[in-house]
Amino acid sequence: MGFEEHVQVALDGLPADLAAGLENVAVVVEEESPDEPDVFGLFEEEPYLPAKITVYRRPLEEEFGDDPAELQRQIRITVLHELAHYFGIDEERLEELGYR
């Protein structure tokens, strides 16, 4: 399974009520963050634009690529982590929940 497919599986696995709450948000895959090359994902929100969740391929594959099941799990965690920011959950609460 390719990286983008793992991201899609994570999105497809969202509970229906959570998925129904997503409006005007794009989820994209990019190679790496130009500002923080080791970060796994990023949530961005700009006025008058759709919210954007970026999942970064290179750092996730470098860290977990030799274990396909763990890579898929970490991609799911990254997607959920960034979606939590979309819903207003901050880093401190995510850490408490184990989604650091």
PDB file of N, CA and C in Angstrom:
ATOM      1  N   MET A   1       0.855  -1.177   0.000  1.00  0.00           N
ATOM      2  CA  MET A   1       0.000   0.000   0.000  1.00  0.00           C
ATOM      3  C   MET A   1       0.899   1.238   0.000  1.00  0.00           C
ATOM      4  N   GLY A   2       0.567   2.209  -0.829  1.00  0.00           N
ATOM      5  CA  GLY A   2       1.346   3.431  -0.914  1.00  0.00           C
ATOM      6  C   GLY A   2       1.025   4.406   0.209  1.00  0.00           C
ATOM      7  N   PHE A   3       1.888   5.388   0.375  1.00  0.00           N
ATOM      8  CA  PHE A   3       1.751   6.357   1.457  1.00  0.00           C
ATOM      9  C   PHE A   3       0.401   7.072   1.407  1.00  0.00           C
ATOM     10  N   GLU A   4       0.019   7.565   0.236  1.00  0.00           N
ATOM     11  CA  GLU A   4      -1.255   8.282   0.099  1.00  0.00           C
ATOM     12  C   GLU A   4      -2.433   7.384   0.458  1.00  0.00           C
ATOM     13  N   GLU A   5      -2.310   6.099   0.118  1.00  0.00           N
ATOM     14  CA  GLU A   5      -3.373   5.158   0.475  1.00  0.00           C
ATOM     15  C   GLU A   5      -3.488   4.997   1.991  1.00  0.00           C
ATOM     16  N   HIS A   6      -2.359   5.010   2.696  1.00  0.00           N
ATOM     17  CA  HIS A   6      -2.391   4.957   4.164  1.00  0.00           C
ATOM     18  C   HIS A   6      -3.126   6.175   4.725  1.00  0.00           C
ATOM     19  N   VAL A   7      -2.859   7.334   4.148  1.00  0.00           N
ATOM     20  CA  VAL A   7      -3.544   8.552   4.595  1.00  0.00           C
ATOM     21  C   VAL A   7      -5.046   8.415   4.335  1.00  0.00           C
ATOM     22  N   GLN A   8      -5.404   7.914   3.159  1.00  0.00           N
ATOM     23  CA  GLN A   8      -6.817   7.735   2.828  1.00  0.00           C
ATOM     24  C   GLN A   8      -7.495   6.734   3.761  1.00  0.00           C
ATOM     25  N   VAL A   9      -6.808   5.666   4.103  1.00  0.00           N
ATOM     26  CA  VAL A   9      -7.352   4.681   5.044  1.00  0.00           C
ATOM     27  C   VAL A   9      -7.612   5.337   6.396  1.00  0.00           C
ATOM     28  N   ALA A  10      -6.683   6.188   6.840  1.00  0.00           N
ATOM     29  CA  ALA A  10      -6.874   6.895   8.108  1.00  0.00           C
ATOM     30  C   ALA A  10      -8.108   7.784   8.049  1.00  0.00           C
ATOM     31  N   LEU A  11      -8.294   8.485   6.939  1.00  0.00           N
ATOM     32  CA  LEU A  11      -9.467   9.351   6.788  1.00  0.00           C
ATOM     33  C   LEU A  11     -10.750   8.533   6.674  1.00  0.00           C
ATOM     34  N   ASP A  12     -10.702   7.448   5.932  1.00  0.00           N
ATOM     35  CA  ASP A  12     -11.884   6.598   5.767  1.00  0.00           C
ATOM     36  C   ASP A  12     -12.298   5.945   7.082  1.00  0.00           C
ATOM     37  N   GLY A  13     -11.351   5.792   7.990  1.00  0.00           N
ATOM     38  CA  GLY A  13     -11.630   5.153   9.270  1.00  0.00           C
ATOM     39  C   GLY A  13     -12.163   6.086  10.337  1.00  0.00           C
ATOM     40  N   LEU A  14     -12.346   7.353   9.994  1.00  0.00           N
ATOM     41  CA  LEU A  14     -12.888   8.302  10.982  1.00  0.00           C
ATOM     42  C   LEU A  14     -14.317   7.920  11.338  1.00  0.00           C
ATOM     43  N   PRO A  15     -14.686   8.070  12.604  1.00  0.00           N
ATOM     44  CA  PRO A  15     -16.084   7.856  12.971  1.00  0.00           C
ATOM     45  C   PRO A  15     -16.983   8.810  12.177  1.00  0.00           C
ATOM     46  N   ALA A  16     -18.169   8.354  11.831  1.00  0.00           N
ATOM     47  CA  ALA A  16     -19.078   9.134  10.983  1.00  0.00           C
ATOM     48  C   ALA A  16     -19.378  10.507  11.549  1.00  0.00           C
ATOM     49  N   ASP A  17     -19.595  10.607  12.869  1.00  0.00           N
ATOM     50  CA  ASP A  17     -19.920  11.915  13.449  1.00  0.00           C
ATOM     51  C   ASP A  17     -18.741  12.872  13.377  1.00  0.00           C
ATOM     52  N   LEU A  18     -17.522  12.358  13.490  1.00  0.00           N
ATOM     53  CA  LEU A  18     -16.329  13.188  13.351  1.00  0.00           C
ATOM     54  C   LEU A  18     -16.155  13.634  11.900  1.00  0.00           C
ATOM     55  N   ALA A  19     -16.271  12.701  10.974  1.00  0.00           N
ATOM     56  CA  ALA A  19     -16.138  13.023   9.552  1.00  0.00           C
ATOM     57  C   ALA A  19     -17.193  14.037   9.125  1.00  0.00           C
ATOM     58  N   ALA A  20     -18.389  13.934   9.672  1.00  0.00           N
ATOM     59  CA  ALA A  20     -19.470  14.866   9.318  1.00  0.00           C
ATOM     60  C   ALA A  20     -19.159  16.287   9.790  1.00  0.00           C
ATOM     61  N   GLY A  21     -18.298  16.422  10.785  1.00  0.00           N
ATOM     62  CA  GLY A  21     -17.941  17.737  11.295  1.00  0.00           C
ATOM     63  C   GLY A  21     -16.854  18.444  10.514  1.00  0.00           C
ATOM     64  N   LEU A  22     -16.294  17.768   9.520  1.00  0.00           N
ATOM     65  CA  LEU A  22     -15.240  18.369   8.707  1.00  0.00           C
ATOM     66  C   LEU A  22     -15.860  19.211   7.601  1.00  0.00           C
ATOM     67  N   GLU A  23     -15.509  20.468   7.575  1.00  0.00           N
ATOM     68  CA  GLU A  23     -15.978  21.366   6.528  1.00  0.00           C
ATOM     69  C   GLU A  23     -14.822  22.227   6.053  1.00  0.00           C
ATOM     70  N   ASN A  24     -14.672  22.294   4.749  1.00  0.00           N
ATOM     71  CA  ASN A  24     -13.695  23.186   4.153  1.00  0.00           C
ATOM     72  C   ASN A  24     -12.273  22.927   4.674  1.00  0.00           C
ATOM     73  N   VAL A  25     -11.875  21.660   4.621  1.00  0.00           N
ATOM     74  CA  VAL A  25     -10.529  21.276   5.039  1.00  0.00           C
ATOM     75  C   VAL A  25      -9.930  20.355   3.976  1.00  0.00           C
ATOM     76  N   ALA A  26      -8.681  20.619   3.624  1.00  0.00           N
ATOM     77  CA  ALA A  26      -7.954  19.801   2.655  1.00  0.00           C
ATOM     78  C   ALA A  26      -6.885  19.010   3.395  1.00  0.00           C
ATOM     79  N   VAL A  27      -6.739  17.743   3.026  1.00  0.00           N
ATOM     80  CA  VAL A  27      -5.682  16.912   3.573  1.00  0.00           C
ATOM     81  C   VAL A  27      -4.752  16.576   2.409  1.00  0.00           C
ATOM     82  N   VAL A  28      -3.482  16.952   2.554  1.00  0.00           N
ATOM     83  CA  VAL A  28      -2.512  16.758   1.481  1.00  0.00           C
ATOM     84  C   VAL A  28      -1.281  16.031   2.008  1.00  0.00           C
ATOM     85  N   VAL A  29      -0.553  15.419   1.086  1.00  0.00           N
ATOM     86  CA  VAL A  29       0.718  14.769   1.405  1.00  0.00           C
ATOM     87  C   VAL A  29       1.813  15.565   0.720  1.00  0.00           C
ATOM     88  N   GLU A  30       2.840  15.911   1.477  1.00  0.00           N
ATOM     89  CA  GLU A  30       4.022  16.571   0.934  1.00  0.00           C
ATOM     90  C   GLU A  30       5.252  15.814   1.414  1.00  0.00           C
ATOM     91  N   GLU A  31       6.370  16.055   0.766  1.00  0.00           N
ATOM     92  CA  GLU A  31       7.597  15.327   1.077  1.00  0.00           C
ATOM     93  C   GLU A  31       8.094  15.634   2.488  1.00  0.00           C
ATOM     94  N   GLU A  32       8.268  16.915   2.810  1.00  0.00           N
ATOM     95  CA  GLU A  32       8.709  17.328   4.142  1.00  0.00           C
ATOM     96  C   GLU A  32       8.439  18.803   4.319  1.00  0.00           C
ATOM     97  N   SER A  33       8.413  19.236   5.566  1.00  0.00           N
ATOM     98  CA  SER A  33       8.228  20.656   5.862  1.00  0.00           C
ATOM     99  C   SER A  33       9.533  21.399   5.579  1.00  0.00           C
ATOM    100  N   PRO A  34       9.468  22.507   4.816  1.00  0.00           N
ATOM    101  CA  PRO A  34      10.704  23.260   4.572  1.00  0.00           C
ATOM    102  C   PRO A  34      11.233  23.930   5.844  1.00  0.00           C
ATOM    103  N   ASP A  35      10.352  24.212   6.787  1.00  0.00           N
ATOM    104  CA  ASP A  35      10.765  24.889   8.017  1.00  0.00           C
ATOM    105  C   ASP A  35      11.192  23.924   9.120  1.00  0.00           C
ATOM    106  N   GLU A  36      10.529  22.770   9.191  1.00  0.00           N
ATOM    107  CA  GLU A  36      10.822  21.770  10.217  1.00  0.00           C
ATOM    108  C   GLU A  36      10.854  20.390   9.556  1.00  0.00           C
ATOM    109  N   PRO A  37      11.990  19.988   8.997  1.00  0.00           N
ATOM    110  CA  PRO A  37      12.035  18.763   8.192  1.00  0.00           C
ATOM    111  C   PRO A  37      11.722  17.469   8.944  1.00  0.00           C
ATOM    112  N   ASP A  38      11.703  17.488  10.277  1.00  0.00           N
ATOM    113  CA  ASP A  38      11.433  16.265  11.029  1.00  0.00           C
ATOM    114  C   ASP A  38       9.996  16.160  11.534  1.00  0.00           C
ATOM    115  N   VAL A  39       9.158  17.171  11.262  1.00  0.00           N
ATOM    116  CA  VAL A  39       7.779  17.141  11.738  1.00  0.00           C
ATOM    117  C   VAL A  39       6.953  16.199  10.859  1.00  0.00           C
ATOM    118  N   PHE A  40       6.025  15.472  11.472  1.00  0.00           N
ATOM    119  CA  PHE A  40       5.214  14.484  10.751  1.00  0.00           C
ATOM    120  C   PHE A  40       3.992  15.102  10.079  1.00  0.00           C
ATOM    121  N   GLY A  41       3.436  16.148  10.674  1.00  0.00           N
ATOM    122  CA  GLY A  41       2.228  16.753  10.115  1.00  0.00           C
ATOM    123  C   GLY A  41       2.070  18.186  10.581  1.00  0.00           C
ATOM    124  N   LEU A  42       1.141  18.893   9.932  1.00  0.00           N
ATOM    125  CA  LEU A  42       0.917  20.301  10.249  1.00  0.00           C
ATOM    126  C   LEU A  42      -0.524  20.671   9.936  1.00  0.00           C
ATOM    127  N   PHE A  43      -1.136  21.414  10.849  1.00  0.00           N
ATOM    128  CA  PHE A  43      -2.459  21.979  10.622  1.00  0.00           C
ATOM    129  C   PHE A  43      -2.284  23.478  10.423  1.00  0.00           C
ATOM    130  N   GLU A  44      -2.876  24.000   9.342  1.00  0.00           N
ATOM    131  CA  GLU A  44      -2.803  25.433   9.052  1.00  0.00           C
ATOM    132  C   GLU A  44      -4.202  25.951   8.777  1.00  0.00           C
ATOM    133  N   GLU A  45      -4.445  27.148   9.280  1.00  0.00           N
ATOM    134  CA  GLU A  45      -5.733  27.785   9.049  1.00  0.00           C
ATOM    135  C   GLU A  45      -5.490  29.258   8.763  1.00  0.00           C
ATOM    136  N   GLU A  46      -5.947  29.704   7.614  1.00  0.00           N
ATOM    137  CA  GLU A  46      -5.798  31.088   7.179  1.00  0.00           C
ATOM    138  C   GLU A  46      -7.191  31.667   6.920  1.00  0.00           C
ATOM    139  N   PRO A  47      -7.376  32.939   7.224  1.00  0.00           N
ATOM    140  CA  PRO A  47      -8.667  33.542   6.913  1.00  0.00           C
ATOM    141  C   PRO A  47      -8.985  33.441   5.419  1.00  0.00           C
ATOM    142  N   TYR A  48     -10.227  33.138   5.114  1.00  0.00           N
ATOM    143  CA  TYR A  48     -10.757  33.097   3.740  1.00  0.00           C
ATOM    144  C   TYR A  48     -10.230  31.935   2.900  1.00  0.00           C
ATOM    145  N   LEU A  49      -9.505  31.012   3.500  1.00  0.00           N
ATOM    146  CA  LEU A  49      -8.991  29.842   2.779  1.00  0.00           C
ATOM    147  C   LEU A  49      -9.434  28.579   3.508  1.00  0.00           C
ATOM    148  N   PRO A  50      -9.490  27.456   2.784  1.00  0.00           N
ATOM    149  CA  PRO A  50      -9.784  26.195   3.481  1.00  0.00           C
ATOM    150  C   PRO A  50      -8.682  25.880   4.497  1.00  0.00           C
ATOM    151  N   ALA A  51      -9.049  25.215   5.574  1.00  0.00           N
ATOM    152  CA  ALA A  51      -8.040  24.709   6.497  1.00  0.00           C
ATOM    153  C   ALA A  51      -7.230  23.655   5.752  1.00  0.00           C
ATOM    154  N   LYS A  52      -5.989  23.464   6.170  1.00  0.00           N
ATOM    155  CA  LYS A  52      -5.111  22.513   5.476  1.00  0.00           C
ATOM    156  C   LYS A  52      -4.389  21.636   6.494  1.00  0.00           C
ATOM    157  N   ILE A  53      -4.470  20.353   6.258  1.00  0.00           N
ATOM    158  CA  ILE A  53      -3.708  19.383   7.036  1.00  0.00           C
ATOM    159  C   ILE A  53      -2.696  18.762   6.081  1.00  0.00           C
ATOM    160  N   THR A  54      -1.429  18.875   6.449  1.00  0.00           N
ATOM    161  CA  THR A  54      -0.365  18.301   5.625  1.00  0.00           C
ATOM    162  C   THR A  54       0.261  17.145   6.393  1.00  0.00           C
ATOM    163  N   VAL A  55       0.396  16.009   5.721  1.00  0.00           N
ATOM    164  CA  VAL A  55       1.091  14.846   6.262  1.00  0.00           C
ATOM    165  C   VAL A  55       2.396  14.737   5.475  1.00  0.00           C
ATOM    166  N   TYR A  56       3.511  14.706   6.207  1.00  0.00           N
ATOM    167  CA  TYR A  56       4.829  14.712   5.566  1.00  0.00           C
ATOM    168  C   TYR A  56       5.393  13.292   5.429  1.00  0.00           C
ATOM    169  N   ARG A  57       5.613  12.903   4.199  1.00  0.00           N
ATOM    170  CA  ARG A  57       6.040  11.546   3.855  1.00  0.00           C
ATOM    171  C   ARG A  57       7.436  11.195   4.384  1.00  0.00           C
ATOM    172  N   ARG A  58       8.452  11.995   4.062  1.00  0.00           N
ATOM    173  CA  ARG A  58       9.840  11.623   4.344  1.00  0.00           C
ATOM    174  C   ARG A  58      10.093  11.324   5.825  1.00  0.00           C
ATOM    175  N   PRO A  59       9.729  12.204   6.756  1.00  0.00           N
ATOM    176  CA  PRO A  59      10.050  11.892   8.156  1.00  0.00           C
ATOM    177  C   PRO A  59       9.321  10.646   8.670  1.00  0.00           C
ATOM    178  N   LEU A  60       8.080  10.441   8.234  1.00  0.00           N
ATOM    179  CA  LEU A  60       7.356   9.247   8.670  1.00  0.00           C
ATOM    180  C   LEU A  60       7.974   7.987   8.078  1.00  0.00           C
ATOM    181  N   GLU A  61       8.317   8.012   6.800  1.00  0.00           N
ATOM    182  CA  GLU A  61       8.923   6.835   6.182  1.00  0.00           C
ATOM    183  C   GLU A  61      10.310   6.552   6.742  1.00  0.00           C
ATOM    184  N   GLU A  62      11.091   7.601   7.021  1.00  0.00           N
ATOM    185  CA  GLU A  62      12.420   7.384   7.597  1.00  0.00           C
ATOM    186  C   GLU A  62      12.327   6.772   8.985  1.00  0.00           C
ATOM    187  N   GLU A  63      11.364   7.219   9.771  1.00  0.00           N
ATOM    188  CA  GLU A  63      11.224   6.751  11.147  1.00  0.00           C
ATOM    189  C   GLU A  63      10.577   5.363  11.238  1.00  0.00           C
ATOM    190  N   PHE A  64       9.574   5.090  10.378  1.00  0.00           N
ATOM    191  CA  PHE A  64       8.768   3.877  10.547  1.00  0.00           C
ATOM    192  C   PHE A  64       8.664   3.014   9.285  1.00  0.00           C
ATOM    193  N   GLY A  65       9.369   3.382   8.211  1.00  0.00           N
ATOM    194  CA  GLY A  65       9.203   2.733   6.922  1.00  0.00           C
ATOM    195  C   GLY A  65       9.592   1.277   6.853  1.00  0.00           C
ATOM    196  N   ASP A  66      10.442   0.809   7.776  1.00  0.00           N
ATOM    197  CA  ASP A  66      10.818  -0.597   7.702  1.00  0.00           C
ATOM    198  C   ASP A  66       9.800  -1.510   8.379  1.00  0.00           C
ATOM    199  N   ASP A  67       8.735  -0.936   8.945  1.00  0.00           N
ATOM    200  CA  ASP A  67       7.648  -1.715   9.546  1.00  0.00           C
ATOM    201  C   ASP A  67       6.325  -1.183   8.995  1.00  0.00           C
ATOM    202  N   PRO A  68       5.791  -1.799   7.938  1.00  0.00           N
ATOM    203  CA  PRO A  68       4.588  -1.277   7.283  1.00  0.00           C
ATOM    204  C   PRO A  68       3.402  -1.075   8.224  1.00  0.00           C
ATOM    205  N   ALA A  69       3.209  -1.979   9.172  1.00  0.00           N
ATOM    206  CA  ALA A  69       2.089  -1.841  10.109  1.00  0.00           C
ATOM    207  C   ALA A  69       2.295  -0.625  11.011  1.00  0.00           C
ATOM    208  N   GLU A  70       3.518  -0.418  11.466  1.00  0.00           N
ATOM    209  CA  GLU A  70       3.808   0.737  12.325  1.00  0.00           C
ATOM    210  C   GLU A  70       3.725   2.031  11.530  1.00  0.00           C
ATOM    211  N   LEU A  71       4.168   2.014  10.281  1.00  0.00           N
ATOM    212  CA  LEU A  71       4.043   3.200   9.435  1.00  0.00           C
ATOM    213  C   LEU A  71       2.573   3.573   9.283  1.00  0.00           C
ATOM    214  N   GLN A  72       1.729   2.603   9.002  1.00  0.00           N
ATOM    215  CA  GLN A  72       0.295   2.885   8.860  1.00  0.00           C
ATOM    216  C   GLN A  72      -0.281   3.428  10.165  1.00  0.00           C
ATOM    217  N   ARG A  73       0.130   2.856  11.288  1.00  0.00           N
ATOM    218  CA  ARG A  73      -0.358   3.323  12.598  1.00  0.00           C
ATOM    219  C   ARG A  73       0.075   4.767  12.862  1.00  0.00           C
ATOM    220  N   GLN A  74       1.315   5.081  12.548  1.00  0.00           N
ATOM    221  CA  GLN A  74       1.829   6.427  12.796  1.00  0.00           C
ATOM    222  C   GLN A  74       1.199   7.449  11.847  1.00  0.00           C
ATOM    223  N   ILE A  75       0.912   7.055  10.625  1.00  0.00           N
ATOM    224  CA  ILE A  75       0.204   7.952   9.708  1.00  0.00           C
ATOM    225  C   ILE A  75      -1.178   8.245  10.275  1.00  0.00           C
ATOM    226  N   ARG A  76      -1.862   7.215  10.772  1.00  0.00           N
ATOM    227  CA  ARG A  76      -3.188   7.413  11.375  1.00  0.00           C
ATOM    228  C   ARG A  76      -3.099   8.360  12.568  1.00  0.00           C
ATOM    229  N   ILE A  77      -2.120   8.154  13.424  1.00  0.00           N
ATOM    230  CA  ILE A  77      -1.938   9.028  14.586  1.00  0.00           C
ATOM    231  C   ILE A  77      -1.683  10.462  14.130  1.00  0.00           C
ATOM    232  N   THR A  78      -0.867  10.640  13.103  1.00  0.00           N
ATOM    233  CA  THR A  78      -0.574  11.985  12.586  1.00  0.00           C
ATOM    234  C   THR A  78      -1.828  12.647  12.050  1.00  0.00           C
ATOM    235  N   VAL A  79      -2.614  11.914  11.268  1.00  0.00           N
ATOM    236  CA  VAL A  79      -3.861  12.464  10.736  1.00  0.00           C
ATOM    237  C   VAL A  79      -4.797  12.851  11.878  1.00  0.00           C
ATOM    238  N   LEU A  80      -4.962  11.973  12.861  1.00  0.00           N
ATOM    239  CA  LEU A  80      -5.845  12.280  14.001  1.00  0.00           C
ATOM    240  C   LEU A  80      -5.329  13.470  14.804  1.00  0.00           C
ATOM    241  N   HIS A  81      -4.021  13.541  14.978  1.00  0.00           N
ATOM    242  CA  HIS A  81      -3.406  14.651  15.711  1.00  0.00           C
ATOM    243  C   HIS A  81      -3.733  15.985  15.031  1.00  0.00           C
ATOM    244  N   GLU A  82      -3.542  16.046  13.734  1.00  0.00           N
ATOM    245  CA  GLU A  82      -3.790  17.295  13.010  1.00  0.00           C
ATOM    246  C   GLU A  82      -5.285  17.604  12.925  1.00  0.00           C
ATOM    247  N   LEU A  83      -6.121  16.593  12.791  1.00  0.00           N
ATOM    248  CA  LEU A  83      -7.570  16.825  12.812  1.00  0.00           C
ATOM    249  C   LEU A  83      -8.018  17.349  14.176  1.00  0.00           C
ATOM    250  N   ALA A  84      -7.371  16.901  15.222  1.00  0.00           N
ATOM    251  CA  ALA A  84      -7.706  17.405  16.560  1.00  0.00           C
ATOM    252  C   ALA A  84      -7.469  18.914  16.628  1.00  0.00           C
ATOM    253  N   HIS A  85      -6.410  19.382  16.012  1.00  0.00           N
ATOM    254  CA  HIS A  85      -6.170  20.833  15.975  1.00  0.00           C
ATOM    255  C   HIS A  85      -7.296  21.535  15.218  1.00  0.00           C
ATOM    256  N   TYR A  86      -7.763  20.934  14.148  1.00  0.00           N
ATOM    257  CA  TYR A  86      -8.895  21.492  13.389  1.00  0.00           C
ATOM    258  C   TYR A  86     -10.100  21.687  14.315  1.00  0.00           C
ATOM    259  N   PHE A  87     -10.304  20.736  15.227  1.00  0.00           N
ATOM    260  CA  PHE A  87     -11.431  20.812  16.153  1.00  0.00           C
ATOM    261  C   PHE A  87     -11.099  21.591  17.427  1.00  0.00           C
ATOM    262  N   GLY A  88      -9.923  22.224  17.472  1.00  0.00           N
ATOM    263  CA  GLY A  88      -9.592  23.111  18.574  1.00  0.00           C
ATOM    264  C   GLY A  88      -8.890  22.474  19.756  1.00  0.00           C
ATOM    265  N   ILE A  89      -8.409  21.261  19.614  1.00  0.00           N
ATOM    266  CA  ILE A  89      -7.701  20.600  20.712  1.00  0.00           C
ATOM    267  C   ILE A  89      -6.225  20.992  20.640  1.00  0.00           C
ATOM    268  N   ASP A  90      -5.683  21.469  21.752  1.00  0.00           N
ATOM    269  CA  ASP A  90      -4.302  21.956  21.744  1.00  0.00           C
ATOM    270  C   ASP A  90      -3.302  20.838  22.043  1.00  0.00           C
ATOM    271  N   GLU A  91      -2.022  21.166  21.893  1.00  0.00           N
ATOM    272  CA  GLU A  91      -0.934  20.197  22.066  1.00  0.00           C
ATOM    273  C   GLU A  91      -0.938  19.566  23.456  1.00  0.00           C
ATOM    274  N   GLU A  92      -1.188  20.377  24.474  1.00  0.00           N
ATOM    275  CA  GLU A  92      -1.171  19.860  25.845  1.00  0.00           C
ATOM    276  C   GLU A  92      -2.209  18.753  26.025  1.00  0.00           C
ATOM    277  N   ARG A  93      -3.416  18.987  25.545  1.00  0.00           N
ATOM    278  CA  ARG A  93      -4.483  17.984  25.680  1.00  0.00           C
ATOM    279  C   ARG A  93      -4.166  16.752  24.821  1.00  0.00           C
ATOM    280  N   LEU A  94      -3.624  16.946  23.637  1.00  0.00           N
ATOM    281  CA  LEU A  94      -3.255  15.821  22.788  1.00  0.00           C
ATOM    282  C   LEU A  94      -2.188  14.955  23.473  1.00  0.00           C
ATOM    283  N   GLU A  95      -1.255  15.595  24.134  1.00  0.00           N
ATOM    284  CA  GLU A  95      -0.230  14.842  24.838  1.00  0.00           C
ATOM    285  C   GLU A  95      -0.859  14.011  25.965  1.00  0.00           C
ATOM    286  N   GLU A  96      -1.818  14.605  26.696  1.00  0.00           N
ATOM    287  CA  GLU A  96      -2.532  13.877  27.730  1.00  0.00           C
ATOM    288  C   GLU A  96      -3.243  12.651  27.171  1.00  0.00           C
ATOM    289  N   LEU A  97      -3.759  12.782  25.935  1.00  0.00           N
ATOM    290  CA  LEU A  97      -4.497  11.695  25.294  1.00  0.00           C
ATOM    291  C   LEU A  97      -3.587  10.678  24.600  1.00  0.00           C
ATOM    292  N   GLY A  98      -2.281  10.960  24.556  1.00  0.00           N
ATOM    293  CA  GLY A  98      -1.327  10.049  23.933  1.00  0.00           C
ATOM    294  C   GLY A  98      -1.126  10.262  22.445  1.00  0.00           C
ATOM    295  N   TYR A  99      -1.537  11.432  21.943  1.00  0.00           N
ATOM    296  CA  TYR A  99      -1.377  11.746  20.511  1.00  0.00           C
ATOM    297  C   TYR A  99      -0.326  12.807  20.308  1.00  0.00           C
ATOM    298  N   ARG A 100       0.815  12.621  20.847  1.00  0.00           N
ATOM    299  CA  ARG A 100       1.912  13.581  20.728  1.00  0.00           C
ATOM    300  C   ARG A 100       2.598  13.393  19.416  1.00  0.00           C
TER     301      ARG A 100
END
